[in-house]
Amino acid sequence: TKAPMIPELGMDYLVEVSADQYYGPTTLGAV
């Protein structure tokens, strides 16, 4: 299973790295 699909991992955030580039979903630790 893709890791972000496990809610308990806390990979809940999508980071807007630039106007057209996103990273995530990831954790606040990655942020």
PDB file of all heavy atoms in Angstrom:
ATOM      1  N   THR A   1       0.852  -1.176   0.000  1.00  0.00           N
ATOM      2  CA  THR A   1       0.000   0.000   0.000  1.00  0.00           C
ATOM      3  C   THR A   1       0.892   1.231   0.000  1.00  0.00           C
ATOM      4  O   THR A   1       1.902   1.265   0.711  1.00  0.00           O
ATOM      5  CB  THR A   1      -0.876   0.025   1.278  1.00  0.00           C
ATOM      6  OG1 THR A   1      -1.642  -1.180   1.325  1.00  0.00           O
ATOM      7  CG2 THR A   1      -1.804   1.225   1.285  1.00  0.00           C
ATOM      8  N   LYS A   2       0.534   2.240  -0.809  1.00  0.00           N
ATOM      9  CA  LYS A   2       1.317   3.479  -0.769  1.00  0.00           C
ATOM     10  C   LYS A   2       1.265   4.048   0.643  1.00  0.00           C
ATOM     11  O   LYS A   2       0.201   4.097   1.268  1.00  0.00           O
ATOM     12  CB  LYS A   2       0.798   4.487  -1.778  1.00  0.00           C
ATOM     13  CG  LYS A   2       1.201   4.117  -3.191  1.00  0.00           C
ATOM     14  CD  LYS A   2       1.078   5.269  -4.127  1.00  0.00           C
ATOM     15  CE  LYS A   2       1.607   4.834  -5.484  1.00  0.00           C
ATOM     16  NZ  LYS A   2       1.483   5.885  -6.456  1.00  0.00           N
ATOM     17  N   ALA A   3       2.421   4.446   1.147  1.00  0.00           N
ATOM     18  CA  ALA A   3       2.540   4.892   2.535  1.00  0.00           C
ATOM     19  C   ALA A   3       1.523   5.962   2.929  1.00  0.00           C
ATOM     20  O   ALA A   3       0.953   5.878   4.022  1.00  0.00           O
ATOM     21  CB  ALA A   3       3.967   5.371   2.800  1.00  0.00           C
ATOM     22  N   PRO A   4       1.242   6.982   2.095  1.00  0.00           N
ATOM     23  CA  PRO A   4       0.281   8.008   2.513  1.00  0.00           C
ATOM     24  C   PRO A   4      -1.134   7.477   2.755  1.00  0.00           C
ATOM     25  O   PRO A   4      -1.947   8.151   3.378  1.00  0.00           O
ATOM     26  CB  PRO A   4       0.288   9.008   1.354  1.00  0.00           C
ATOM     27  CG  PRO A   4       1.615   8.829   0.703  1.00  0.00           C
ATOM     28  CD  PRO A   4       1.913   7.362   0.842  1.00  0.00           C
ATOM     29  N   MET A   5      -1.417   6.263   2.295  1.00  0.00           N
ATOM     30  CA  MET A   5      -2.748   5.688   2.493  1.00  0.00           C
ATOM     31  C   MET A   5      -2.941   5.156   3.912  1.00  0.00           C
ATOM     32  O   MET A   5      -4.049   4.796   4.283  1.00  0.00           O
ATOM     33  CB  MET A   5      -2.992   4.563   1.477  1.00  0.00           C
ATOM     34  CG  MET A   5      -2.924   5.016   0.028  1.00  0.00           C
ATOM     35  SD  MET A   5      -4.119   6.306  -0.366  1.00  0.00           S
ATOM     36  CE  MET A   5      -5.634   5.408  -0.226  1.00  0.00           C
ATOM     37  N   ILE A   6      -1.878   5.100   4.686  1.00  0.00           N
ATOM     38  CA  ILE A   6      -1.965   4.642   6.079  1.00  0.00           C
ATOM     39  C   ILE A   6      -2.101   5.887   6.952  1.00  0.00           C
ATOM     40  O   ILE A   6      -1.122   6.593   7.194  1.00  0.00           O
ATOM     41  CB  ILE A   6      -0.714   3.827   6.486  1.00  0.00           C
ATOM     42  CG1 ILE A   6      -0.436   2.696   5.497  1.00  0.00           C
ATOM     43  CG2 ILE A   6      -0.835   3.337   7.923  1.00  0.00           C
ATOM     44  CD1 ILE A   6      -1.507   1.635   5.421  1.00  0.00           C
ATOM     45  N   PRO A   7      -3.313   6.206   7.419  1.00  0.00           N
ATOM     46  CA  PRO A   7      -3.547   7.461   8.150  1.00  0.00           C
ATOM     47  C   PRO A   7      -2.651   7.649   9.368  1.00  0.00           C
ATOM     48  O   PRO A   7      -2.227   8.764   9.672  1.00  0.00           O
ATOM     49  CB  PRO A   7      -5.010   7.374   8.581  1.00  0.00           C
ATOM     50  CG  PRO A   7      -5.618   6.315   7.746  1.00  0.00           C
ATOM     51  CD  PRO A   7      -4.524   5.400   7.304  1.00  0.00           C
ATOM     52  N   GLU A   8      -2.304   6.554  10.037  1.00  0.00           N
ATOM     53  CA  GLU A   8      -1.500   6.649  11.253  1.00  0.00           C
ATOM     54  C   GLU A   8      -0.067   7.115  11.002  1.00  0.00           C
ATOM     55  O   GLU A   8       0.643   7.479  11.937  1.00  0.00           O
ATOM     56  CB  GLU A   8      -1.485   5.300  11.983  1.00  0.00           C
ATOM     57  CG  GLU A   8      -2.826   4.875  12.532  1.00  0.00           C
ATOM     58  CD  GLU A   8      -3.733   4.184  11.510  1.00  0.00           C
ATOM     59  OE1 GLU A   8      -3.332   4.058  10.326  1.00  0.00           O
ATOM     60  OE2 GLU A   8      -4.848   3.788  11.889  1.00  0.00           O
ATOM     61  N   LEU A   9       0.369   7.131   9.751  1.00  0.00           N
ATOM     62  CA  LEU A   9       1.715   7.638   9.439  1.00  0.00           C
ATOM     63  C   LEU A   9       1.740   9.166   9.408  1.00  0.00           C
ATOM     64  O   LEU A   9       2.808   9.768   9.401  1.00  0.00           O
ATOM     65  CB  LEU A   9       2.220   7.071   8.106  1.00  0.00           C
ATOM     66  CG  LEU A   9       2.586   5.592   8.113  1.00  0.00           C
ATOM     67  CD1 LEU A   9       3.034   5.152   6.730  1.00  0.00           C
ATOM     68  CD2 LEU A   9       3.645   5.287   9.152  1.00  0.00           C
ATOM     69  N   GLY A  10       0.579   9.784   9.374  1.00  0.00           N
ATOM     70  CA  GLY A  10       0.515  11.247   9.412  1.00  0.00           C
ATOM     71  C   GLY A  10       1.009  11.931   8.143  1.00  0.00           C
ATOM     72  O   GLY A  10       1.410  13.093   8.181  1.00  0.00           O
ATOM     73  N   MET A  11       0.968  11.237   7.026  1.00  0.00           N
ATOM     74  CA  MET A  11       1.395  11.831   5.756  1.00  0.00           C
ATOM     75  C   MET A  11       0.187  12.555   5.159  1.00  0.00           C
ATOM     76  O   MET A  11      -0.395  12.129   4.175  1.00  0.00           O
ATOM     77  CB  MET A  11       1.956  10.750   4.831  1.00  0.00           C
ATOM     78  CG  MET A  11       3.177  10.061   5.407  1.00  0.00           C
ATOM     79  SD  MET A  11       3.861   8.767   4.361  1.00  0.00           S
ATOM     80  CE  MET A  11       4.716   9.752   3.131  1.00  0.00           C
ATOM     81  N   ASP A  12      -0.149  13.677   5.778  1.00  0.00           N
ATOM     82  CA  ASP A  12      -1.398  14.375   5.481  1.00  0.00           C
ATOM     83  C   ASP A  12      -1.225  15.682   4.710  1.00  0.00           C
ATOM     84  O   ASP A  12      -2.215  16.328   4.387  1.00  0.00           O
ATOM     85  CB  ASP A  12      -2.125  14.708   6.789  1.00  0.00           C
ATOM     86  CG  ASP A  12      -2.469  13.472   7.585  1.00  0.00           C
ATOM     87  OD1 ASP A  12      -2.693  12.412   6.979  1.00  0.00           O
ATOM     88  OD2 ASP A  12      -2.511  13.572   8.827  1.00  0.00           O
ATOM     89  N   TYR A  13      -0.009  16.103   4.413  1.00  0.00           N
ATOM     90  CA  TYR A  13       0.198  17.452   3.895  1.00  0.00           C
ATOM     91  C   TYR A  13       0.794  17.460   2.494  1.00  0.00           C
ATOM     92  O   TYR A  13       1.732  16.736   2.191  1.00  0.00           O
ATOM     93  CB  TYR A  13       1.096  18.248   4.846  1.00  0.00           C
ATOM     94  CG  TYR A  13       0.446  18.373   6.191  1.00  0.00           C
ATOM     95  CD1 TYR A  13       0.731  17.465   7.203  1.00  0.00           C
ATOM     96  CD2 TYR A  13      -0.509  19.350   6.437  1.00  0.00           C
ATOM     97  CE1 TYR A  13       0.100  17.549   8.439  1.00  0.00           C
ATOM     98  CE2 TYR A  13      -1.148  19.436   7.659  1.00  0.00           C
ATOM     99  CZ  TYR A  13      -0.840  18.528   8.651  1.00  0.00           C
ATOM    100  OH  TYR A  13      -1.471  18.614   9.854  1.00  0.00           O
ATOM    101  N   LEU A  14       0.221  18.306   1.665  1.00  0.00           N
ATOM    102  CA  LEU A  14       0.699  18.546   0.317  1.00  0.00           C
ATOM    103  C   LEU A  14       1.426  19.884   0.340  1.00  0.00           C
ATOM    104  O   LEU A  14       0.862  20.897   0.765  1.00  0.00           O
ATOM    105  CB  LEU A  14      -0.490  18.585  -0.641  1.00  0.00           C
ATOM    106  CG  LEU A  14      -0.211  18.489  -2.123  1.00  0.00           C
ATOM    107  CD1 LEU A  14       0.491  17.179  -2.458  1.00  0.00           C
ATOM    108  CD2 LEU A  14      -1.513  18.582  -2.894  1.00  0.00           C
ATOM    109  N   VAL A  15       2.684  19.896  -0.089  1.00  0.00           N
ATOM    110  CA  VAL A  15       3.527  21.093  -0.049  1.00  0.00           C
ATOM    111  C   VAL A  15       3.568  21.724  -1.429  1.00  0.00           C
ATOM    112  O   VAL A  15       3.906  21.053  -2.411  1.00  0.00           O
ATOM    113  CB  VAL A  15       4.976  20.738   0.385  1.00  0.00           C
ATOM    114  CG1 VAL A  15       5.829  21.988   0.489  1.00  0.00           C
ATOM    115  CG2 VAL A  15       4.972  19.964   1.684  1.00  0.00           C
ATOM    116  N   GLU A  16       3.240  23.012  -1.510  1.00  0.00           N
ATOM    117  CA  GLU A  16       3.326  23.728  -2.780  1.00  0.00           C
ATOM    118  C   GLU A  16       4.760  24.250  -2.919  1.00  0.00           C
ATOM    119  O   GLU A  16       5.100  25.328  -2.455  1.00  0.00           O
ATOM    120  CB  GLU A  16       2.330  24.890  -2.812  1.00  0.00           C
ATOM    121  CG  GLU A  16       2.268  25.561  -4.156  1.00  0.00           C
ATOM    122  CD  GLU A  16       1.182  26.629  -4.222  1.00  0.00           C
ATOM    123  OE1 GLU A  16       0.203  26.558  -3.456  1.00  0.00           O
ATOM    124  OE2 GLU A  16       1.343  27.534  -5.050  1.00  0.00           O
ATOM    125  N   VAL A  17       5.618  23.445  -3.555  1.00  0.00           N
ATOM    126  CA  VAL A  17       7.033  23.776  -3.688  1.00  0.00           C
ATOM    127  C   VAL A  17       7.224  24.978  -4.604  1.00  0.00           C
ATOM    128  O   VAL A  17       8.078  25.821  -4.377  1.00  0.00           O
ATOM    129  CB  VAL A  17       7.830  22.559  -4.196  1.00  0.00           C
ATOM    130  CG1 VAL A  17       9.298  22.882  -4.352  1.00  0.00           C
ATOM    131  CG2 VAL A  17       7.654  21.372  -3.241  1.00  0.00           C
ATOM    132  N   SER A  18       6.424  25.065  -5.651  1.00  0.00           N
ATOM    133  CA  SER A  18       6.417  26.227  -6.541  1.00  0.00           C
ATOM    134  C   SER A  18       5.002  26.343  -7.102  1.00  0.00           C
ATOM    135  O   SER A  18       4.140  25.522  -6.798  1.00  0.00           O
ATOM    136  CB  SER A  18       7.455  26.075  -7.659  1.00  0.00           C
ATOM    137  OG  SER A  18       7.103  25.018  -8.520  1.00  0.00           O
ATOM    138  N   ALA A  19       4.779  27.340  -7.947  1.00  0.00           N
ATOM    139  CA  ALA A  19       3.428  27.577  -8.476  1.00  0.00           C
ATOM    140  C   ALA A  19       2.851  26.369  -9.202  1.00  0.00           C
ATOM    141  O   ALA A  19       1.642  26.165  -9.209  1.00  0.00           O
ATOM    142  CB  ALA A  19       3.446  28.781  -9.404  1.00  0.00           C
ATOM    143  N   ASP A  20       3.693  25.541  -9.788  1.00  0.00           N
ATOM    144  CA  ASP A  20       3.196  24.387 -10.541  1.00  0.00           C
ATOM    145  C   ASP A  20       3.800  23.065 -10.079  1.00  0.00           C
ATOM    146  O   ASP A  20       3.756  22.077 -10.783  1.00  0.00           O
ATOM    147  CB  ASP A  20       3.449  24.590 -12.028  1.00  0.00           C
ATOM    148  CG  ASP A  20       4.924  24.764 -12.346  1.00  0.00           C
ATOM    149  OD1 ASP A  20       5.716  24.987 -11.417  1.00  0.00           O
ATOM    150  OD2 ASP A  20       5.281  24.680 -13.532  1.00  0.00           O
ATOM    151  N   GLN A  21       4.391  23.047  -8.887  1.00  0.00           N
ATOM    152  CA  GLN A  21       5.027  21.832  -8.392  1.00  0.00           C
ATOM    153  C   GLN A  21       4.616  21.572  -6.949  1.00  0.00           C
ATOM    154  O   GLN A  21       4.742  22.449  -6.094  1.00  0.00           O
ATOM    155  CB  GLN A  21       6.544  21.951  -8.497  1.00  0.00           C
ATOM    156  CG  GLN A  21       7.276  20.699  -8.110  1.00  0.00           C
ATOM    157  CD  GLN A  21       8.785  20.864  -8.230  1.00  0.00           C
ATOM    158  OE1 GLN A  21       9.292  21.945  -8.446  1.00  0.00           O
ATOM    159  NE2 GLN A  21       9.492  19.777  -8.084  1.00  0.00           N
ATOM    160  N   TYR A  22       4.130  20.357  -6.698  1.00  0.00           N
ATOM    161  CA  TYR A  22       3.694  19.959  -5.367  1.00  0.00           C
ATOM    162  C   TYR A  22       4.471  18.725  -4.926  1.00  0.00           C
ATOM    163  O   TYR A  22       4.919  17.943  -5.762  1.00  0.00           O
ATOM    164  CB  TYR A  22       2.199  19.636  -5.361  1.00  0.00           C
ATOM    165  CG  TYR A  22       1.344  20.850  -5.605  1.00  0.00           C
ATOM    166  CD1 TYR A  22       1.042  21.252  -6.906  1.00  0.00           C
ATOM    167  CD2 TYR A  22       0.852  21.599  -4.557  1.00  0.00           C
ATOM    168  CE1 TYR A  22       0.266  22.374  -7.140  1.00  0.00           C
ATOM    169  CE2 TYR A  22       0.072  22.721  -4.777  1.00  0.00           C
ATOM    170  CZ  TYR A  22      -0.211  23.098  -6.068  1.00  0.00           C
ATOM    171  OH  TYR A  22      -0.975  24.210  -6.303  1.00  0.00           O
ATOM    172  N   TYR A  23       4.600  18.575  -3.614  1.00  0.00           N
ATOM    173  CA  TYR A  23       5.228  17.385  -3.053  1.00  0.00           C
ATOM    174  C   TYR A  23       4.308  16.832  -1.976  1.00  0.00           C
ATOM    175  O   TYR A  23       3.840  17.563  -1.116  1.00  0.00           O
ATOM    176  CB  TYR A  23       6.592  17.705  -2.439  1.00  0.00           C
ATOM    177  CG  TYR A  23       7.271  16.486  -1.869  1.00  0.00           C
ATOM    178  CD1 TYR A  23       8.007  15.642  -2.686  1.00  0.00           C
ATOM    179  CD2 TYR A  23       7.153  16.172  -0.512  1.00  0.00           C
ATOM    180  CE1 TYR A  23       8.619  14.508  -2.178  1.00  0.00           C
ATOM    181  CE2 TYR A  23       7.766  15.038  -0.004  1.00  0.00           C
ATOM    182  CZ  TYR A  23       8.501  14.216  -0.829  1.00  0.00           C
ATOM    183  OH  TYR A  23       9.100  13.096  -0.327  1.00  0.00           O
ATOM    184  N   GLY A  24       4.086  15.532  -2.005  1.00  0.00           N
ATOM    185  CA  GLY A  24       3.298  14.928  -0.950  1.00  0.00           C
ATOM    186  C   GLY A  24       2.314  13.924  -1.498  1.00  0.00           C
ATOM    187  O   GLY A  24       2.363  13.585  -2.675  1.00  0.00           O
ATOM    188  N   PRO A  25       1.444  13.493  -0.618  1.00  0.00           N
ATOM    189  CA  PRO A  25       1.296  13.918   0.769  1.00  0.00           C
ATOM    190  C   PRO A  25       2.469  13.433   1.625  1.00  0.00           C
ATOM    191  O   PRO A  25       3.025  12.370   1.391  1.00  0.00           O
ATOM    192  CB  PRO A  25      -0.014  13.295   1.225  1.00  0.00           C
ATOM    193  CG  PRO A  25      -0.350  12.252   0.223  1.00  0.00           C
ATOM    194  CD  PRO A  25       0.427  12.531  -1.013  1.00  0.00           C
ATOM    195  N   THR A  26       2.819  14.251   2.599  1.00  0.00           N
ATOM    196  CA  THR A  26       3.958  13.969   3.447  1.00  0.00           C
ATOM    197  C   THR A  26       3.688  14.431   4.871  1.00  0.00           C
ATOM    198  O   THR A  26       2.623  14.960   5.162  1.00  0.00           O
ATOM    199  CB  THR A  26       5.232  14.612   2.862  1.00  0.00           C
ATOM    200  OG1 THR A  26       6.369  14.085   3.529  1.00  0.00           O
ATOM    201  CG2 THR A  26       5.197  16.128   2.965  1.00  0.00           C
ATOM    202  N   THR A  27       4.661  14.258   5.733  1.00  0.00           N
ATOM    203  CA  THR A  27       4.514  14.606   7.145  1.00  0.00           C
ATOM    204  C   THR A  27       5.020  16.016   7.417  1.00  0.00           C
ATOM    205  O   THR A  27       5.732  16.610   6.600  1.00  0.00           O
ATOM    206  CB  THR A  27       5.325  13.645   8.029  1.00  0.00           C
ATOM    207  OG1 THR A  27       6.714  13.796   7.700  1.00  0.00           O
ATOM    208  CG2 THR A  27       4.894  12.205   7.833  1.00  0.00           C
ATOM    209  N   LEU A  28       4.678  16.515   8.592  1.00  0.00           N
ATOM    210  CA  LEU A  28       5.217  17.809   9.007  1.00  0.00           C
ATOM    211  C   LEU A  28       6.729  17.721   9.206  1.00  0.00           C
ATOM    212  O   LEU A  28       7.443  18.712   9.037  1.00  0.00           O
ATOM    213  CB  LEU A  28       4.524  18.297  10.283  1.00  0.00           C
ATOM    214  CG  LEU A  28       3.067  18.713  10.097  1.00  0.00           C
ATOM    215  CD1 LEU A  28       2.437  19.075  11.444  1.00  0.00           C
ATOM    216  CD2 LEU A  28       2.932  19.861   9.122  1.00  0.00           C
ATOM    217  N   GLY A  29       7.234  16.541   9.513  1.00  0.00           N
ATOM    218  CA  GLY A  29       8.686  16.348   9.615  1.00  0.00           C
ATOM    219  C   GLY A  29       9.373  16.607   8.286  1.00  0.00           C
ATOM    220  O   GLY A  29      10.446  17.218   8.231  1.00  0.00           O
ATOM    221  N   ALA A  30       8.755  16.163   7.199  1.00  0.00           N
ATOM    222  CA  ALA A  30       9.318  16.416   5.869  1.00  0.00           C
ATOM    223  C   ALA A  30       9.234  17.901   5.541  1.00  0.00           C
ATOM    224  O   ALA A  30      10.156  18.467   4.935  1.00  0.00           O
ATOM    225  CB  ALA A  30       8.591  15.587   4.812  1.00  0.00           C
ATOM    226  N   VAL A  31       8.150  18.546   5.953  1.00  0.00           N
ATOM    227  CA  VAL A  31       8.017  19.991   5.745  1.00  0.00           C
ATOM    228  C   VAL A  31       9.146  20.709   6.477  1.00  0.00           C
ATOM    229  O   VAL A  31       9.773  21.632   5.938  1.00  0.00           O
ATOM    230  CB  VAL A  31       6.633  20.494   6.229  1.00  0.00           C
ATOM    231  CG1 VAL A  31       6.553  22.009   6.180  1.00  0.00           C
ATOM    232  CG2 VAL A  31       5.517  19.857   5.403  1.00  0.00           C
TER     233      VAL A  31
END
